N, C-alpha and C. Protein backbone atom coordinates (compact mmCIF):
# COMPACT_ATOMS: atom_id res chain seq x y z
N MET A 1 -89.37 53.91 -74.22
CA MET A 1 -89.83 55.13 -72.85
C MET A 1 -89.39 54.39 -71.59
N ARG A 2 -89.23 53.13 -71.42
CA ARG A 2 -88.77 52.41 -70.08
C ARG A 2 -87.20 52.60 -69.95
N ALA A 3 -86.47 52.66 -71.14
CA ALA A 3 -85.15 52.96 -70.96
C ALA A 3 -84.92 54.65 -70.77
N LEU A 4 -85.66 55.28 -70.90
CA LEU A 4 -85.46 56.75 -70.50
C LEU A 4 -85.79 57.01 -69.10
N LEU A 5 -87.06 56.60 -68.91
CA LEU A 5 -87.39 56.42 -67.21
C LEU A 5 -86.25 55.37 -66.24
N ALA A 6 -85.51 54.53 -67.14
CA ALA A 6 -84.69 54.04 -65.87
C ALA A 6 -83.24 54.78 -66.02
N PHE A 7 -83.32 55.65 -67.09
CA PHE A 7 -82.21 56.51 -66.91
C PHE A 7 -82.41 57.90 -66.04
N LEU A 8 -83.51 58.28 -66.17
CA LEU A 8 -83.68 59.36 -65.22
C LEU A 8 -84.02 58.94 -63.88
N PHE A 9 -84.34 57.75 -63.55
CA PHE A 9 -84.62 57.73 -62.35
C PHE A 9 -83.74 56.63 -61.49
N THR A 10 -82.67 57.03 -61.11
CA THR A 10 -81.60 56.22 -60.64
C THR A 10 -81.73 56.96 -59.13
N ARG A 11 -81.34 56.32 -58.10
CA ARG A 11 -81.37 56.83 -56.92
C ARG A 11 -80.30 58.59 -56.94
N LYS A 12 -79.16 58.35 -57.64
CA LYS A 12 -78.65 59.52 -57.55
C LYS A 12 -79.16 60.59 -58.63
N ARG A 13 -79.78 60.14 -59.44
CA ARG A 13 -80.27 61.41 -60.44
C ARG A 13 -81.54 62.01 -59.90
N ALA A 14 -82.39 60.95 -59.03
CA ALA A 14 -83.65 61.47 -58.60
C ALA A 14 -83.23 62.59 -57.40
N LEU A 15 -81.99 62.36 -56.82
CA LEU A 15 -81.82 63.23 -55.52
C LEU A 15 -81.03 64.53 -56.34
N VAL A 16 -80.33 64.52 -57.55
CA VAL A 16 -80.07 65.72 -57.96
C VAL A 16 -80.77 66.35 -58.64
N GLY A 17 -81.88 65.76 -59.37
CA GLY A 17 -82.96 66.51 -59.85
C GLY A 17 -83.87 67.22 -58.50
N PHE A 18 -83.92 66.56 -57.64
CA PHE A 18 -84.74 67.33 -56.51
C PHE A 18 -83.83 68.45 -55.82
N LEU A 19 -82.73 68.36 -55.74
CA LEU A 19 -81.92 69.63 -55.54
C LEU A 19 -81.97 70.83 -56.47
N LEU A 20 -81.84 70.13 -57.63
CA LEU A 20 -81.89 71.52 -58.70
C LEU A 20 -83.54 72.26 -58.74
N LEU A 21 -84.38 71.48 -58.80
CA LEU A 21 -85.77 71.95 -58.45
C LEU A 21 -85.62 72.53 -57.05
N LYS A 22 -85.46 72.42 -55.95
CA LYS A 22 -84.94 73.24 -55.00
C LYS A 22 -84.24 74.28 -55.21
N ALA A 23 -83.32 74.20 -55.78
CA ALA A 23 -82.50 75.53 -55.95
C ALA A 23 -83.38 76.36 -56.84
N VAL A 24 -83.87 76.00 -57.81
CA VAL A 24 -84.76 77.02 -58.78
C VAL A 24 -85.55 77.68 -57.93
N ALA A 25 -86.34 76.90 -57.22
CA ALA A 25 -87.41 77.29 -56.05
C ALA A 25 -86.70 78.19 -55.30
N VAL A 26 -85.40 78.19 -54.71
CA VAL A 26 -85.23 79.18 -53.65
C VAL A 26 -84.54 80.53 -54.71
N LEU A 27 -84.07 80.43 -56.13
CA LEU A 27 -83.82 81.61 -56.53
C LEU A 27 -84.77 82.35 -57.07
N VAL A 28 -86.02 81.78 -57.53
CA VAL A 28 -87.58 82.36 -58.04
C VAL A 28 -87.70 82.82 -56.83
N ASN A 29 -88.24 82.18 -55.67
CA ASN A 29 -88.73 83.11 -54.42
C ASN A 29 -88.06 84.18 -54.11
N GLY A 30 -86.38 84.11 -53.94
CA GLY A 30 -85.37 85.06 -53.67
C GLY A 30 -85.87 86.49 -54.69
N LEU A 31 -85.71 86.10 -55.85
CA LEU A 31 -85.68 87.29 -56.87
C LEU A 31 -87.52 87.96 -56.67
N VAL A 32 -88.38 86.94 -56.73
CA VAL A 32 -89.70 87.65 -56.37
C VAL A 32 -90.16 88.45 -55.43
N ARG A 33 -89.44 87.97 -53.98
CA ARG A 33 -89.64 88.76 -52.64
C ARG A 33 -88.60 89.62 -52.39
N GLY A 34 -87.16 89.27 -52.72
CA GLY A 34 -86.31 89.85 -52.57
C GLY A 34 -85.84 90.47 -51.13
N THR A 35 -86.34 89.94 -50.15
CA THR A 35 -85.83 89.97 -48.75
C THR A 35 -84.44 89.17 -48.35
N ALA A 36 -83.65 89.57 -47.38
CA ALA A 36 -82.55 88.61 -46.95
C ALA A 36 -83.49 87.61 -46.33
N GLU A 37 -84.18 87.76 -45.51
CA GLU A 37 -84.68 87.18 -44.58
C GLU A 37 -85.55 85.41 -45.94
N VAL A 38 -85.93 85.91 -46.72
CA VAL A 38 -86.44 84.61 -47.76
C VAL A 38 -85.13 84.25 -48.73
N TRP A 39 -83.97 84.94 -48.87
CA TRP A 39 -82.92 84.33 -49.57
C TRP A 39 -82.18 83.54 -48.10
N GLY A 40 -82.29 83.53 -46.91
CA GLY A 40 -81.21 83.21 -46.14
C GLY A 40 -81.85 81.62 -45.41
N ILE A 41 -83.49 81.96 -45.28
CA ILE A 41 -84.04 80.58 -45.39
C ILE A 41 -83.93 79.75 -46.21
N GLY A 42 -84.28 80.13 -47.42
CA GLY A 42 -84.06 79.17 -48.70
C GLY A 42 -82.72 78.64 -49.02
N ILE A 43 -81.62 79.48 -48.67
CA ILE A 43 -80.09 78.71 -48.78
C ILE A 43 -80.10 77.70 -47.57
N LEU A 44 -80.60 78.03 -46.59
CA LEU A 44 -80.47 77.20 -45.44
C LEU A 44 -81.22 76.21 -45.77
N ALA A 45 -82.43 76.02 -45.92
CA ALA A 45 -83.01 74.78 -46.40
C ALA A 45 -82.27 74.10 -47.50
N LEU A 46 -81.78 74.76 -48.50
CA LEU A 46 -81.45 74.29 -49.66
C LEU A 46 -79.98 73.21 -49.26
N ALA A 47 -79.02 73.88 -47.94
CA ALA A 47 -78.24 73.28 -47.70
C ALA A 47 -78.44 72.08 -46.94
N VAL A 48 -79.37 72.29 -45.88
CA VAL A 48 -79.94 70.79 -45.34
C VAL A 48 -80.54 69.76 -46.49
N TYR A 49 -80.99 70.13 -47.13
CA TYR A 49 -81.56 69.04 -47.80
C TYR A 49 -80.12 68.40 -48.61
N ALA A 50 -79.27 69.61 -49.14
CA ALA A 50 -78.27 68.94 -49.61
C ALA A 50 -77.34 67.79 -48.66
N VAL A 51 -77.34 68.19 -47.42
CA VAL A 51 -76.70 66.98 -46.62
C VAL A 51 -77.67 65.99 -46.59
N ILE A 52 -78.63 66.08 -46.10
CA ILE A 52 -79.61 64.78 -46.22
C ILE A 52 -79.84 64.12 -47.33
N ALA A 53 -79.79 64.60 -48.65
CA ALA A 53 -79.34 63.93 -49.85
C ALA A 53 -78.28 63.20 -49.93
N ARG A 54 -77.22 63.83 -49.49
CA ARG A 54 -75.54 63.16 -49.99
C ARG A 54 -75.58 62.05 -48.95
N PHE A 55 -76.09 62.01 -47.31
CA PHE A 55 -76.72 60.65 -46.71
C PHE A 55 -77.53 59.54 -47.37
N ALA A 56 -78.28 60.22 -48.05
CA ALA A 56 -79.26 59.27 -48.93
C ALA A 56 -78.79 58.51 -49.79
N GLN A 57 -77.76 59.39 -50.68
CA GLN A 57 -76.84 58.90 -51.67
C GLN A 57 -76.09 57.72 -51.12
N ALA A 58 -75.22 57.80 -49.97
CA ALA A 58 -74.57 56.98 -49.28
C ALA A 58 -75.07 55.67 -48.53
N GLY A 59 -76.53 55.82 -48.57
CA GLY A 59 -77.29 54.56 -48.46
C GLY A 59 -77.73 54.52 -47.13
N ARG A 60 -77.84 55.57 -46.16
CA ARG A 60 -78.29 55.73 -44.78
C ARG A 60 -79.87 55.46 -44.93
N VAL A 61 -80.17 54.57 -44.26
CA VAL A 61 -81.71 54.28 -44.33
C VAL A 61 -82.72 55.65 -43.86
N LEU A 62 -82.17 56.05 -42.61
CA LEU A 62 -83.08 57.15 -42.22
C LEU A 62 -83.03 58.53 -43.10
N SER A 63 -81.83 58.64 -43.49
CA SER A 63 -81.86 59.70 -44.71
C SER A 63 -82.69 59.72 -45.91
N ILE A 64 -82.55 58.00 -46.14
CA ILE A 64 -83.62 57.74 -47.26
C ILE A 64 -84.92 57.91 -46.72
N TRP A 65 -85.16 57.61 -45.72
CA TRP A 65 -86.75 57.91 -45.13
C TRP A 65 -87.17 59.40 -45.05
N ALA A 66 -86.27 60.14 -44.82
CA ALA A 66 -86.15 61.56 -44.61
C ALA A 66 -86.28 62.20 -46.09
N VAL A 67 -85.34 61.78 -47.12
CA VAL A 67 -85.39 62.86 -48.19
C VAL A 67 -86.79 62.09 -49.09
N THR A 68 -87.28 61.06 -48.78
CA THR A 68 -88.44 60.66 -49.37
C THR A 68 -89.81 61.42 -48.90
N LEU A 69 -89.64 61.88 -47.62
CA LEU A 69 -91.21 62.50 -47.10
C LEU A 69 -90.63 63.79 -47.72
N LEU A 70 -89.43 64.41 -47.50
CA LEU A 70 -89.14 65.63 -48.37
C LEU A 70 -89.89 65.58 -49.66
N MET A 71 -89.45 64.72 -50.27
CA MET A 71 -89.63 65.13 -51.60
C MET A 71 -91.21 64.67 -52.03
N LEU A 72 -91.72 63.86 -51.12
CA LEU A 72 -93.23 64.10 -51.08
C LEU A 72 -93.84 65.19 -50.56
N TYR A 73 -93.26 66.09 -49.64
CA TYR A 73 -93.97 67.20 -49.29
C TYR A 73 -93.76 68.12 -50.41
N GLU A 74 -92.50 68.42 -50.82
CA GLU A 74 -92.36 69.34 -52.02
C GLU A 74 -93.31 69.16 -53.19
N ALA A 75 -93.74 67.66 -53.56
CA ALA A 75 -94.53 67.41 -54.41
C ALA A 75 -95.92 67.86 -54.29
N ALA A 76 -96.37 67.55 -52.94
CA ALA A 76 -97.70 68.10 -52.36
C ALA A 76 -97.43 69.70 -52.71
N GLY A 77 -96.96 70.28 -52.24
CA GLY A 77 -96.79 71.74 -52.55
C GLY A 77 -96.72 72.05 -53.97
N ALA A 78 -95.99 71.57 -54.88
CA ALA A 78 -96.19 71.95 -56.24
C ALA A 78 -97.54 71.57 -56.76
N LEU A 79 -98.10 70.30 -56.36
CA LEU A 79 -99.58 70.12 -56.99
C LEU A 79 -100.45 71.04 -56.17
N LEU A 80 -100.24 71.71 -55.14
CA LEU A 80 -101.34 72.35 -54.78
C LEU A 80 -101.20 73.84 -55.47
N LEU A 81 -100.21 74.12 -55.65
CA LEU A 81 -99.67 75.31 -56.44
C LEU A 81 -100.39 75.46 -57.88
N ALA A 82 -100.20 74.01 -58.05
CA ALA A 82 -100.67 73.91 -59.86
C ALA A 82 -102.04 74.09 -60.01
N TRP A 83 -102.83 73.47 -58.60
CA TRP A 83 -104.37 73.15 -58.85
C TRP A 83 -104.73 74.77 -58.47
N SER A 84 -104.23 75.49 -57.69
CA SER A 84 -104.65 76.90 -57.68
C SER A 84 -104.65 77.72 -58.52
N GLY A 85 -103.47 77.42 -59.37
CA GLY A 85 -103.38 78.39 -60.70
C GLY A 85 -103.60 77.75 -62.12
N LEU A 86 -105.00 76.74 -61.60
CA LEU A 86 -105.33 75.88 -63.05
C LEU A 86 -105.83 76.66 -64.12
N ARG A 87 -106.87 77.92 -63.57
CA ARG A 87 -107.68 78.74 -64.12
C ARG A 87 -106.93 79.92 -64.58
N ASP A 88 -106.08 80.66 -64.09
CA ASP A 88 -105.16 81.66 -64.26
C ASP A 88 -104.20 81.63 -65.28
N ALA A 89 -103.47 80.31 -64.93
CA ALA A 89 -102.30 80.38 -65.79
C ALA A 89 -102.01 78.96 -66.07
N PRO A 90 -102.86 78.18 -66.94
CA PRO A 90 -102.80 76.71 -67.26
C PRO A 90 -101.22 76.25 -67.51
N GLY A 91 -100.48 77.22 -68.25
CA GLY A 91 -98.98 76.71 -68.53
C GLY A 91 -98.16 76.35 -67.24
N MET A 92 -98.47 77.45 -66.55
CA MET A 92 -97.62 77.38 -65.14
C MET A 92 -98.16 75.79 -64.41
N ALA A 93 -99.68 75.80 -64.36
CA ALA A 93 -99.90 74.56 -63.80
C ALA A 93 -99.56 73.37 -64.56
N LEU A 94 -99.52 73.39 -65.56
CA LEU A 94 -98.86 72.29 -66.22
C LEU A 94 -97.41 72.10 -65.89
N ILE A 95 -96.72 72.86 -65.70
CA ILE A 95 -95.19 72.50 -65.22
C ILE A 95 -95.21 72.37 -63.72
N GLY A 96 -96.17 72.75 -63.03
CA GLY A 96 -96.32 72.48 -61.67
C GLY A 96 -96.82 70.95 -61.30
N LEU A 97 -97.45 70.55 -62.34
CA LEU A 97 -98.03 69.02 -62.10
C LEU A 97 -96.81 68.22 -62.78
N VAL A 98 -95.84 68.69 -64.10
CA VAL A 98 -94.97 67.74 -64.05
C VAL A 98 -93.84 67.80 -63.16
N VAL A 99 -93.49 68.58 -62.40
CA VAL A 99 -92.65 69.07 -61.30
C VAL A 99 -93.13 68.17 -60.02
N ALA A 100 -94.50 67.96 -59.92
CA ALA A 100 -95.22 67.15 -58.78
C ALA A 100 -95.14 65.72 -59.32
N ALA A 101 -94.75 65.37 -60.32
CA ALA A 101 -94.99 64.09 -60.79
C ALA A 101 -93.54 63.58 -60.78
N TYR A 102 -92.62 64.23 -61.14
CA TYR A 102 -91.25 64.16 -61.11
C TYR A 102 -90.95 63.78 -59.49
N LEU A 103 -91.24 64.62 -58.65
CA LEU A 103 -90.91 64.32 -57.31
C LEU A 103 -91.47 63.13 -56.70
N VAL A 104 -92.83 63.19 -56.92
CA VAL A 104 -93.35 61.67 -56.61
C VAL A 104 -92.70 60.09 -57.12
N VAL A 105 -92.56 60.19 -58.46
CA VAL A 105 -92.02 59.07 -59.17
C VAL A 105 -90.38 58.80 -58.50
N GLY A 106 -89.41 60.22 -58.38
CA GLY A 106 -88.39 60.23 -57.74
C GLY A 106 -88.53 59.90 -56.11
N ALA A 107 -89.46 60.06 -55.62
CA ALA A 107 -89.54 60.02 -54.05
C ALA A 107 -89.78 58.21 -54.04
N LEU A 108 -90.35 57.76 -55.14
CA LEU A 108 -90.71 56.36 -54.82
C LEU A 108 -89.50 55.57 -55.18
N VAL A 109 -88.81 56.14 -56.47
CA VAL A 109 -87.53 55.48 -56.59
C VAL A 109 -86.52 55.63 -55.54
N VAL A 110 -86.30 56.51 -54.88
CA VAL A 110 -85.20 56.66 -53.75
C VAL A 110 -85.58 55.59 -52.77
N PHE A 111 -86.90 55.50 -52.32
CA PHE A 111 -87.51 54.82 -51.37
C PHE A 111 -87.13 53.24 -51.68
N ALA A 112 -87.67 52.96 -52.77
CA ALA A 112 -87.23 51.61 -53.39
C ALA A 112 -85.88 50.96 -53.58
N SER A 113 -85.12 52.03 -53.42
CA SER A 113 -83.30 51.80 -53.50
C SER A 113 -83.14 51.89 -52.13
N ARG A 114 -83.72 51.92 -50.93
CA ARG A 114 -83.25 51.68 -49.64
C ARG A 114 -82.30 50.49 -49.15
N ARG A 115 -82.73 49.27 -49.83
CA ARG A 115 -81.99 48.11 -49.58
C ARG A 115 -80.87 48.04 -50.48
N GLU A 116 -80.59 48.69 -51.52
CA GLU A 116 -79.29 48.74 -52.28
C GLU A 116 -78.20 49.15 -51.56
N GLY A 117 -76.72 48.96 -51.70
CA GLY A 117 -75.61 49.30 -51.39
C GLY A 117 -75.27 50.68 -51.37
């Protein structure tokens, strides 16, 4: 189990996972709501997150702090959505809890790697 966690949670993989989760969220939001404004805001947010993640991958300390806060913010949102849908859709709530846990652990890994080169 420790080897699997070490494989999944490196700085690069945590950042890629974060961007993939955000891309899925943008896609789902765009398809559900279907307006140009939702698509535009989602794609713009994804682009900004990608730039910050790229700088964090390069080891920029300020970007590492920023992406850590963004990951924790997204995890809090996933946790709140999971909690609110616990009675109505327990399967979706479980997925939300897994996403929130992944983002929290990923944020901790990214933050802990801030001293690495």
